[in-house]
Amino acid sequence: MSFAVDEALDIVSKILVMNSITAPKGVGRDDIVIELVKDDKIKEKILLKSKEIAKRSGFSFYERDAINCENISHIIFIGYKMFYHGFDCGFCGFKTCVECEEKGGMCAISVTDAGIAIGSLVKLSAIFGVDNRIMLSIGQAAKETGFFEEKVGGAYGIPLSATTKNPFFDRKIKV
């Protein structure tokens, strides 16, 4: 990757993080976690965990996605916090927030907020001409490595690429 492209990807990735942070929230609370990873050692640890999950679970797409990200320099992770709003809205499928938490559910507002942030990020990424892919595999691997400082209920990884060919388009499908 040329210096100019790498520098542009640095700038755009920071704008994408900002865009995700400022994306609309269901109740205006900060219930998502957003991290940009450029460090090769951190990335390698996450990708190794993804391959380990593939072996453990039998879901080969974890390995496929890890291999797909080996030459990716920028990955943004978005997780949703283990947060219960106290509205007792029932959107999560439980009668109360306390019941949701006690039975291991997740606040649907937090999950939705993460989805809105991800959607905002990938749309703006496309506008800037940066290829991307939403991957639950590397998000789960990041969660299992203890990457997130806060406890998250779930996470997604969004690798970014600025090359002549989109590396996320015609991957060999393994399920």
Foldseek 3Di string as FASTA:
>chain_A
DDPVVVVVCVVLLVVLQVQLQPFDAPVPDPFKDKDKDQDLVLLVQLLVLLCVCCVVVVQCVSNLVSVLCNPFRIKMKMFGAQDFDQPLPCPQVDRTSVVCVVVVTGDVRRVVSSVRSVVSSCVVCVVVVKAKDKAQSSFVSCQVVVVDVGNGPGMIMITIHDDPDRSPPDGDDDD
